[in-house]
Amino acid sequence: MKQDTKKQTRLVLLCGLPASGKTTLARELADAYGAVRLNPDEWELALGVDPFDEAFQARLEAAFWDLTQRLLALGTSVVLEWGFWARSERDEKREVARRIGVAVELRFLNPPYEELVRRVLARHSAGGIAITEDHMERYRRAFEPPTDEELRLYDPAAKHGASGRAFGADTISS
């Protein structure tokens, strides 16, 4: 795309298992891009909803997606951080956003699995969402990591600062 990526409206999809660093990166990107950040876990907590209520989660994500499309059409960038475990979901979001005419980034966060388990157990013991090792095993089996071929379908990260480096690039491994 020929537009200046600093000013171009964009959709950023954060892809990864729980505790991979999505929220930390989402906050940084939202600030850097002047974007709206949508995180289902935070909304469920604020609304007092069980984070394991899959029906509510699906409704919330659908509402977020409707809002996202409107924001993108109005020229506001959006960072979505609900994991995007399925290739089909990532493809759908990319194709719709491209039809709207915006850049689309996929940020794949992929720390070692043992580190993810350590983080979720530490969060649980500190009062966070009660994700267990059993949950993590199920999630890992369901997760479809993006391939190098898939990653090439997305726009590069916007460049920021004097270095011209892609913002947040240090946090991603593939």
C-alpha atoms as a PDB file:
ATOM      1  CA  MET A   1       0.000   0.000   0.000  1.00  0.00           C
ATOM      2  CA  LYS A   2       1.305   3.395  -0.953  1.00  0.00           C
ATOM      3  CA  GLN A   3      -0.119   5.518   1.885  1.00  0.00           C
ATOM      4  CA  ASP A   4       1.989   6.710   4.816  1.00  0.00           C
ATOM      5  CA  THR A   5       1.532   3.891   7.346  1.00  0.00           C
ATOM      6  CA  LYS A   6       1.816   6.337  10.261  1.00  0.00           C
ATOM      7  CA  LYS A   7      -1.463   7.982   9.272  1.00  0.00           C
ATOM      8  CA  GLN A   8      -3.222   5.121   7.544  1.00  0.00           C
ATOM      9  CA  THR A   9      -6.217   3.628   9.303  1.00  0.00           C
ATOM     10  CA  ARG A  10      -5.464   0.060  10.265  1.00  0.00           C
ATOM     11  CA  LEU A  11      -6.861  -3.011  11.908  1.00  0.00           C
ATOM     12  CA  VAL A  12      -4.461  -4.893  14.156  1.00  0.00           C
ATOM     13  CA  LEU A  13      -5.259  -8.502  15.059  1.00  0.00           C
ATOM     14  CA  LEU A  14      -3.338  -9.890  18.034  1.00  0.00           C
ATOM     15  CA  CYS A  15      -2.923 -13.618  17.701  1.00  0.00           C
ATOM     16  CA  GLY A  16      -1.761 -15.883  20.511  1.00  0.00           C
ATOM     17  CA  LEU A  17      -2.673 -18.084  23.414  1.00  0.00           C
ATOM     18  CA  PRO A  18      -3.519 -16.713  26.880  1.00  0.00           C
ATOM     19  CA  ALA A  19      -0.617 -14.924  28.596  1.00  0.00           C
ATOM     20  CA  SER A  20       1.328 -14.468  25.362  1.00  0.00           C
ATOM     21  CA  GLY A  21       1.530 -10.697  25.870  1.00  0.00           C
ATOM     22  CA  LYS A  22      -1.435  -9.567  23.766  1.00  0.00           C
ATOM     23  CA  THR A  23      -2.800  -7.012  26.232  1.00  0.00           C
ATOM     24  CA  THR A  24       0.590  -5.452  26.911  1.00  0.00           C
ATOM     25  CA  LEU A  25       1.267  -5.057  23.193  1.00  0.00           C
ATOM     26  CA  ALA A  26      -2.327  -3.928  22.503  1.00  0.00           C
ATOM     27  CA  ARG A  27      -2.003  -1.066  24.979  1.00  0.00           C
ATOM     28  CA  GLU A  28       1.267   0.051  23.393  1.00  0.00           C
ATOM     29  CA  LEU A  29      -0.124  -0.164  19.862  1.00  0.00           C
ATOM     30  CA  ALA A  30      -3.355   1.634  20.751  1.00  0.00           C
ATOM     31  CA  ASP A  31      -1.306   4.544  22.101  1.00  0.00           C
ATOM     32  CA  ALA A  32       1.143   4.544  19.180  1.00  0.00           C
ATOM     33  CA  TYR A  33      -1.566   4.293  16.496  1.00  0.00           C
ATOM     34  CA  GLY A  34      -4.222   6.417  18.195  1.00  0.00           C
ATOM     35  CA  ALA A  35      -6.416   3.321  18.013  1.00  0.00           C
ATOM     36  CA  VAL A  36      -9.379   1.962  19.914  1.00  0.00           C
ATOM     37  CA  ARG A  37      -8.453  -1.234  21.796  1.00  0.00           C
ATOM     38  CA  LEU A  38     -11.107  -3.919  22.299  1.00  0.00           C
ATOM     39  CA  ASN A  39     -10.471  -6.700  24.813  1.00  0.00           C
ATOM     40  CA  PRO A  40     -13.319  -9.127  25.655  1.00  0.00           C
ATOM     41  CA  ASP A  41     -11.722 -10.257  28.943  1.00  0.00           C
ATOM     42  CA  GLU A  42     -11.716  -6.707  30.312  1.00  0.00           C
ATOM     43  CA  TRP A  43     -15.325  -6.112  29.301  1.00  0.00           C
ATOM     44  CA  GLU A  44     -16.468  -9.404  30.814  1.00  0.00           C
ATOM     45  CA  LEU A  45     -14.738  -8.505  34.080  1.00  0.00           C
ATOM     46  CA  ALA A  46     -16.294  -5.022  34.079  1.00  0.00           C
ATOM     47  CA  LEU A  47     -19.760  -6.492  33.405  1.00  0.00           C
ATOM     48  CA  GLY A  48     -19.379  -9.291  35.971  1.00  0.00           C
ATOM     49  CA  VAL A  49     -19.689 -12.011  33.325  1.00  0.00           C
ATOM     50  CA  ASP A  50     -18.122 -15.464  33.704  1.00  0.00           C
ATOM     51  CA  PRO A  51     -15.022 -15.426  31.442  1.00  0.00           C
ATOM     52  CA  PHE A  52     -15.762 -19.038  30.470  1.00  0.00           C
ATOM     53  CA  ASP A  53     -19.290 -18.243  29.203  1.00  0.00           C
ATOM     54  CA  GLU A  54     -18.666 -19.085  25.550  1.00  0.00           C
ATOM     55  CA  ALA A  55     -22.109 -17.918  24.359  1.00  0.00           C
ATOM     56  CA  PHE A  56     -21.585 -14.484  25.894  1.00  0.00           C
ATOM     57  CA  GLN A  57     -18.033 -14.376  24.527  1.00  0.00           C
ATOM     58  CA  ALA A  58     -19.332 -15.049  21.007  1.00  0.00           C
ATOM     59  CA  ARG A  59     -21.985 -12.319  21.304  1.00  0.00           C
ATOM     60  CA  LEU A  60     -19.469  -9.838  22.685  1.00  0.00           C
ATOM     61  CA  GLU A  61     -16.939 -10.537  19.934  1.00  0.00           C
ATOM     62  CA  ALA A  62     -19.695 -10.164  17.303  1.00  0.00           C
ATOM     63  CA  ALA A  63     -20.678  -6.790  18.791  1.00  0.00           C
ATOM     64  CA  PHE A  64     -17.006  -5.749  18.883  1.00  0.00           C
ATOM     65  CA  TRP A  65     -16.644  -6.744  15.226  1.00  0.00           C
ATOM     66  CA  ASP A  66     -19.676  -4.652  14.227  1.00  0.00           C
ATOM     67  CA  LEU A  67     -18.230  -1.693  16.137  1.00  0.00           C
ATOM     68  CA  THR A  68     -14.796  -2.296  14.608  1.00  0.00           C
ATOM     69  CA  GLN A  69     -16.152  -2.128  11.080  1.00  0.00           C
ATOM     70  CA  ARG A  70     -17.890   1.177  11.826  1.00  0.00           C
ATOM     71  CA  LEU A  71     -14.771   2.651  13.449  1.00  0.00           C
ATOM     72  CA  LEU A  72     -12.586   1.592  10.507  1.00  0.00           C
ATOM     73  CA  ALA A  73     -15.064   3.105   8.035  1.00  0.00           C
ATOM     74  CA  LEU A  74     -14.877   6.362  10.010  1.00  0.00           C
ATOM     75  CA  GLY A  75     -11.067   6.365   9.838  1.00  0.00           C
ATOM     76  CA  THR A  76     -10.294   5.141  13.368  1.00  0.00           C
ATOM     77  CA  SER A  77      -7.734   2.377  13.790  1.00  0.00           C
ATOM     78  CA  VAL A  78      -8.663  -0.606  15.967  1.00  0.00           C
ATOM     79  CA  VAL A  79      -6.625  -3.174  17.903  1.00  0.00           C
ATOM     80  CA  LEU A  80      -8.488  -6.443  18.550  1.00  0.00           C
ATOM     81  CA  GLU A  81      -7.047  -8.741  21.190  1.00  0.00           C
ATOM     82  CA  TRP A  82      -9.040 -11.901  21.480  1.00  0.00           C
ATOM     83  CA  GLY A  83      -6.457 -14.385  20.279  1.00  0.00           C
ATOM     84  CA  PHE A  84      -7.663 -15.238  16.774  1.00  0.00           C
ATOM     85  CA  TRP A  85      -6.923 -18.928  17.132  1.00  0.00           C
ATOM     86  CA  ALA A  86      -8.523 -19.992  13.839  1.00  0.00           C
ATOM     87  CA  ARG A  87      -7.130 -19.142  10.420  1.00  0.00           C
ATOM     88  CA  SER A  88     -10.674 -18.800   9.054  1.00  0.00           C
ATOM     89  CA  GLU A  89     -11.446 -16.030  11.567  1.00  0.00           C
ATOM     90  CA  ARG A  90      -8.228 -14.188  10.746  1.00  0.00           C
ATOM     91  CA  ASP A  91      -8.953 -14.493   7.011  1.00  0.00           C
ATOM     92  CA  GLU A  92     -12.484 -13.152   7.453  1.00  0.00           C
ATOM     93  CA  LYS A  93     -11.331 -10.107   9.434  1.00  0.00           C
ATOM     94  CA  ARG A  94      -8.527  -9.359   6.954  1.00  0.00           C
ATOM     95  CA  GLU A  95     -10.811  -9.632   3.918  1.00  0.00           C
ATOM     96  CA  VAL A  96     -13.544  -7.413   5.390  1.00  0.00           C
ATOM     97  CA  ALA A  97     -11.052  -4.783   6.544  1.00  0.00           C
ATOM     98  CA  ARG A  98      -9.388  -4.740   3.127  1.00  0.00           C
ATOM     99  CA  ARG A  99     -12.805  -4.193   1.497  1.00  0.00           C
ATOM    100  CA  ILE A 100     -13.226  -1.199   3.821  1.00  0.00           C
ATOM    101  CA  GLY A 101      -9.870   0.010   2.502  1.00  0.00           C
ATOM    102  CA  VAL A 102      -7.652  -0.172   5.585  1.00  0.00           C
ATOM    103  CA  ALA A 103      -4.299  -1.765   6.309  1.00  0.00           C
ATOM    104  CA  VAL A 104      -4.403  -4.994   8.314  1.00  0.00           C
ATOM    105  CA  GLU A 105      -1.638  -6.218  10.619  1.00  0.00           C
ATOM    106  CA  LEU A 106      -1.437  -9.630  12.212  1.00  0.00           C
ATOM    107  CA  ARG A 107       0.789  -9.695  15.271  1.00  0.00           C
ATOM    108  CA  PHE A 108       1.578 -13.286  16.277  1.00  0.00           C
ATOM    109  CA  LEU A 109       2.835 -13.574  19.844  1.00  0.00           C
ATOM    110  CA  ASN A 110       4.402 -16.947  20.456  1.00  0.00           C
ATOM    111  CA  PRO A 111       6.350 -17.339  23.711  1.00  0.00           C
ATOM    112  CA  PRO A 112       7.376 -20.875  24.700  1.00  0.00           C
ATOM    113  CA  TYR A 113       4.424 -22.939  25.915  1.00  0.00           C
ATOM    114  CA  GLU A 114       6.025 -23.565  29.339  1.00  0.00           C
ATOM    115  CA  GLU A 115       6.266 -19.798  29.843  1.00  0.00           C
ATOM    116  CA  LEU A 116       2.579 -19.378  28.967  1.00  0.00           C
ATOM    117  CA  VAL A 117       1.604 -21.981  31.556  1.00  0.00           C
ATOM    118  CA  ARG A 118       3.812 -20.314  34.163  1.00  0.00           C
ATOM    119  CA  ARG A 119       2.185 -16.936  33.445  1.00  0.00           C
ATOM    120  CA  VAL A 120      -1.443 -18.149  33.579  1.00  0.00           C
ATOM    121  CA  LEU A 121      -0.822 -20.022  36.827  1.00  0.00           C
ATOM    122  CA  ALA A 122       0.817 -16.923  38.327  1.00  0.00           C
ATOM    123  CA  ARG A 123      -2.128 -14.782  37.219  1.00  0.00           C
ATOM    124  CA  HIS A 124      -4.578 -17.251  38.753  1.00  0.00           C
ATOM    125  CA  SER A 125      -2.745 -17.300  42.073  1.00  0.00           C
ATOM    126  CA  ALA A 126      -2.795 -13.469  42.034  1.00  0.00           C
ATOM    127  CA  GLY A 127      -6.591 -13.448  41.600  1.00  0.00           C
ATOM    128  CA  GLY A 128      -6.827 -13.425  37.814  1.00  0.00           C
ATOM    129  CA  ILE A 129      -8.896 -15.619  35.522  1.00  0.00           C
ATOM    130  CA  ALA A 130      -8.743 -19.240  36.659  1.00  0.00           C
ATOM    131  CA  ILE A 131      -7.048 -20.712  33.590  1.00  0.00           C
ATOM    132  CA  THR A 132      -5.535 -24.085  34.467  1.00  0.00           C
ATOM    133  CA  GLU A 133      -2.949 -26.318  32.840  1.00  0.00           C
ATOM    134  CA  ASP A 134      -5.839 -28.434  31.514  1.00  0.00           C
ATOM    135  CA  HIS A 135      -7.344 -25.352  29.872  1.00  0.00           C
ATOM    136  CA  MET A 136      -3.983 -24.511  28.325  1.00  0.00           C
ATOM    137  CA  GLU A 137      -3.623 -28.010  26.875  1.00  0.00           C
ATOM    138  CA  ARG A 138      -7.090 -27.764  25.292  1.00  0.00           C
ATOM    139  CA  TYR A 139      -6.329 -24.288  23.976  1.00  0.00           C
ATOM    140  CA  ARG A 140      -3.006 -25.412  22.505  1.00  0.00           C
ATOM    141  CA  ARG A 141      -4.725 -28.274  20.666  1.00  0.00           C
ATOM    142  CA  ALA A 142      -7.373 -25.910  19.250  1.00  0.00           C
ATOM    143  CA  PHE A 143      -4.946 -23.156  18.227  1.00  0.00           C
ATOM    144  CA  GLU A 144      -3.980 -22.803  14.544  1.00  0.00           C
ATOM    145  CA  PRO A 145      -0.752 -20.790  14.520  1.00  0.00           C
ATOM    146  CA  PRO A 146      -0.287 -18.628  11.441  1.00  0.00           C
ATOM    147  CA  THR A 147       2.151 -19.953   8.872  1.00  0.00           C
ATOM    148  CA  ASP A 148       4.829 -17.838   7.228  1.00  0.00           C
ATOM    149  CA  GLU A 149       2.675 -17.902   4.090  1.00  0.00           C
ATOM    150  CA  GLU A 150      -0.298 -16.526   6.015  1.00  0.00           C
ATOM    151  CA  LEU A 151       1.768 -13.826   7.732  1.00  0.00           C
ATOM    152  CA  ARG A 152       2.826 -12.531   4.290  1.00  0.00           C
ATOM    153  CA  LEU A 153      -0.855 -11.759   3.515  1.00  0.00           C
ATOM    154  CA  TYR A 154      -0.836  -8.911   6.056  1.00  0.00           C
ATOM    155  CA  ASP A 155       0.511  -5.384   5.940  1.00  0.00           C
ATOM    156  CA  PRO A 156       3.777  -4.609   7.705  1.00  0.00           C
ATOM    157  CA  ALA A 157       3.684  -2.836  11.039  1.00  0.00           C
ATOM    158  CA  ALA A 158       3.652   0.947  10.871  1.00  0.00           C
ATOM    159  CA  LYS A 159       7.021   2.599  11.404  1.00  0.00           C
ATOM    160  CA  HIS A 160       7.367   4.898  14.401  1.00  0.00           C
ATOM    161  CA  GLY A 161      10.045   7.152  15.803  1.00  0.00           C
ATOM    162  CA  ALA A 162      13.403   8.240  14.444  1.00  0.00           C
ATOM    163  CA  SER A 163      14.634   4.665  14.037  1.00  0.00           C
ATOM    164  CA  GLY A 164      11.893   3.846  11.535  1.00  0.00           C
ATOM    165  CA  ARG A 165      11.500   0.466  13.249  1.00  0.00           C
ATOM    166  CA  ALA A 166       8.219  -1.379  13.327  1.00  0.00           C
ATOM    167  CA  PHE A 167       6.561  -0.605  16.641  1.00  0.00           C
ATOM    168  CA  GLY A 168       6.326  -3.624  18.956  1.00  0.00           C
ATOM    169  CA  ALA A 169       8.363  -5.853  16.657  1.00  0.00           C
ATOM    170  CA  ASP A 170      10.605  -7.042  19.484  1.00  0.00           C
ATOM    171  CA  THR A 171       7.702  -8.770  21.222  1.00  0.00           C
ATOM    172  CA  ILE A 172       6.800 -11.120  18.399  1.00  0.00           C
ATOM    173  CA  SER A 173       8.270 -14.465  17.527  1.00  0.00           C
ATOM    174  CA  SER A 174       7.120 -16.817  14.845  1.00  0.00           C
END
